[in-house]
């Protein structure tokens, strides 16, 4: 089992952690493990593309005309 040390923890935050641990009947270490587990086991947020696709999923059958490109691509100026 791994262990970590948290330096420069604000005294007020430490006091809040101690109070939460006491309220739940846990040690401070156990309270931190529970908080970390809860924070890191959140479902992953969907990406922007996925959210857009889901939002417009009901819009099937709509075709948009894509005009032909008339200008030629130009250098972005970033230098390669």
C-alpha atoms as a PDB file:
ATOM      1  CA  UNK A   1       0.000   0.000   0.000  1.00  0.00           C
ATOM      2  CA  UNK A   2       1.404   3.407  -0.972  1.00  0.00           C
ATOM      3  CA  UNK A   3       1.493   6.463   1.255  1.00  0.00           C
ATOM      4  CA  UNK A   4       1.743  10.183   0.553  1.00  0.00           C
ATOM      5  CA  UNK A   5       2.681  13.230   2.589  1.00  0.00           C
ATOM      6  CA  UNK A   6       0.831  16.494   2.115  1.00  0.00           C
ATOM      7  CA  UNK A   7       2.937  19.503   2.999  1.00  0.00           C
ATOM      8  CA  UNK A   8       1.811  23.087   3.571  1.00  0.00           C
ATOM      9  CA  UNK A   9      -1.735  22.088   4.456  1.00  0.00           C
ATOM     10  CA  UNK A  10      -3.628  25.111   5.714  1.00  0.00           C
ATOM     11  CA  UNK A  11      -4.469  24.814   9.436  1.00  0.00           C
ATOM     12  CA  UNK A  12      -8.103  25.721   8.815  1.00  0.00           C
ATOM     13  CA  UNK A  13      -8.427  23.010   6.165  1.00  0.00           C
ATOM     14  CA  UNK A  14      -6.788  20.507   8.506  1.00  0.00           C
ATOM     15  CA  UNK A  15      -9.264  21.462  11.254  1.00  0.00           C
ATOM     16  CA  UNK A  16     -12.182  21.002   8.844  1.00  0.00           C
ATOM     17  CA  UNK A  17     -10.821  17.616   7.854  1.00  0.00           C
ATOM     18  CA  UNK A  18     -10.481  16.598  11.496  1.00  0.00           C
ATOM     19  CA  UNK A  19     -14.083  17.662  12.195  1.00  0.00           C
ATOM     20  CA  UNK A  20     -15.428  15.786   9.165  1.00  0.00           C
ATOM     21  CA  UNK A  21     -13.501  12.676  10.141  1.00  0.00           C
ATOM     22  CA  UNK A  22     -14.856  12.841  13.680  1.00  0.00           C
ATOM     23  CA  UNK A  23     -18.384  13.398  12.438  1.00  0.00           C
ATOM     24  CA  UNK A  24     -18.134  10.282  10.246  1.00  0.00           C
ATOM     25  CA  UNK A  25     -16.349   8.246  12.894  1.00  0.00           C
ATOM     26  CA  UNK A  26     -13.163   7.902  10.824  1.00  0.00           C
ATOM     27  CA  UNK A  27      -9.528   8.746  11.299  1.00  0.00           C
ATOM     28  CA  UNK A  28      -8.264  11.722   9.317  1.00  0.00           C
ATOM     29  CA  UNK A  29      -6.363   9.352   7.039  1.00  0.00           C
ATOM     30  CA  UNK A  30      -9.494   7.321   6.307  1.00  0.00           C
ATOM     31  CA  UNK A  31     -11.475  10.509   5.675  1.00  0.00           C
ATOM     32  CA  UNK A  32      -8.860  11.641   3.147  1.00  0.00           C
ATOM     33  CA  UNK A  33      -8.957   8.242   1.423  1.00  0.00           C
ATOM     34  CA  UNK A  34     -12.748   8.450   1.143  1.00  0.00           C
ATOM     35  CA  UNK A  35     -12.613  12.016  -0.211  1.00  0.00           C
ATOM     36  CA  UNK A  36      -9.952  11.109  -2.779  1.00  0.00           C
ATOM     37  CA  UNK A  37     -11.769   7.958  -3.855  1.00  0.00           C
ATOM     38  CA  UNK A  38     -15.033   9.877  -4.286  1.00  0.00           C
ATOM     39  CA  UNK A  39     -13.327  12.696  -6.220  1.00  0.00           C
ATOM     40  CA  UNK A  40     -11.403  10.409  -8.552  1.00  0.00           C
ATOM     41  CA  UNK A  41     -14.223   7.949  -9.264  1.00  0.00           C
ATOM     42  CA  UNK A  42     -16.492  10.579 -10.809  1.00  0.00           C
ATOM     43  CA  UNK A  43     -17.739   9.671 -14.285  1.00  0.00           C
ATOM     44  CA  UNK A  44     -15.636  11.252 -16.997  1.00  0.00           C
ATOM     45  CA  UNK A  45     -17.137  14.327 -18.598  1.00  0.00           C
ATOM     46  CA  UNK A  46     -18.119  13.878 -22.210  1.00  0.00           C
ATOM     47  CA  UNK A  47     -16.153  15.798 -24.801  1.00  0.00           C
ATOM     48  CA  UNK A  48     -17.582  18.681 -26.789  1.00  0.00           C
ATOM     49  CA  UNK A  49     -17.914  16.639 -29.989  1.00  0.00           C
ATOM     50  CA  UNK A  50     -19.829  13.880 -28.201  1.00  0.00           C
ATOM     51  CA  UNK A  51     -22.183  16.381 -26.572  1.00  0.00           C
ATOM     52  CA  UNK A  52     -22.867  18.113 -29.918  1.00  0.00           C
ATOM     53  CA  UNK A  53     -23.518  14.762 -31.652  1.00  0.00           C
ATOM     54  CA  UNK A  54     -25.923  13.698 -28.888  1.00  0.00           C
ATOM     55  CA  UNK A  55     -27.725  17.022 -28.952  1.00  0.00           C
ATOM     56  CA  UNK A  56     -28.398  16.849 -32.685  1.00  0.00           C
ATOM     57  CA  UNK A  57     -28.897  13.078 -32.949  1.00  0.00           C
ATOM     58  CA  UNK A  58     -32.615  13.586 -33.644  1.00  0.00           C
ATOM     59  CA  UNK A  59     -31.843  15.747 -36.692  1.00  0.00           C
ATOM     60  CA  UNK A  60     -31.314  12.764 -38.986  1.00  0.00           C
ATOM     61  CA  UNK A  61     -31.990  13.191 -42.676  1.00  0.00           C
ATOM     62  CA  UNK A  62     -30.989  16.828 -42.809  1.00  0.00           C
ATOM     63  CA  UNK A  63     -28.418  17.367 -45.506  1.00  0.00           C
ATOM     64  CA  UNK A  64     -26.704  20.684 -45.949  1.00  0.00           C
ATOM     65  CA  UNK A  65     -25.156  21.763 -49.210  1.00  0.00           C
ATOM     66  CA  UNK A  66     -21.463  22.320 -48.831  1.00  0.00           C
ATOM     67  CA  UNK A  67     -20.357  24.917 -51.352  1.00  0.00           C
ATOM     68  CA  UNK A  68     -17.209  24.104 -53.286  1.00  0.00           C
ATOM     69  CA  UNK A  69     -14.100  25.765 -51.973  1.00  0.00           C
ATOM     70  CA  UNK A  70     -13.093  28.628 -54.247  1.00  0.00           C
ATOM     71  CA  UNK A  71     -10.030  29.929 -52.447  1.00  0.00           C
ATOM     72  CA  UNK A  72      -6.740  28.104 -52.189  1.00  0.00           C
ATOM     73  CA  UNK A  73      -5.362  27.150 -48.798  1.00  0.00           C
ATOM     74  CA  UNK A  74      -2.758  29.573 -47.483  1.00  0.00           C
ATOM     75  CA  UNK A  75       0.187  29.219 -45.154  1.00  0.00           C
ATOM     76  CA  UNK A  76      -0.772  29.652 -41.494  1.00  0.00           C
ATOM     77  CA  UNK A  77       2.382  31.652 -40.899  1.00  0.00           C
ATOM     78  CA  UNK A  78       3.559  29.471 -38.023  1.00  0.00           C
ATOM     79  CA  UNK A  79       6.675  28.371 -39.917  1.00  0.00           C
ATOM     80  CA  UNK A  80       7.470  24.719 -40.120  1.00  0.00           C
END
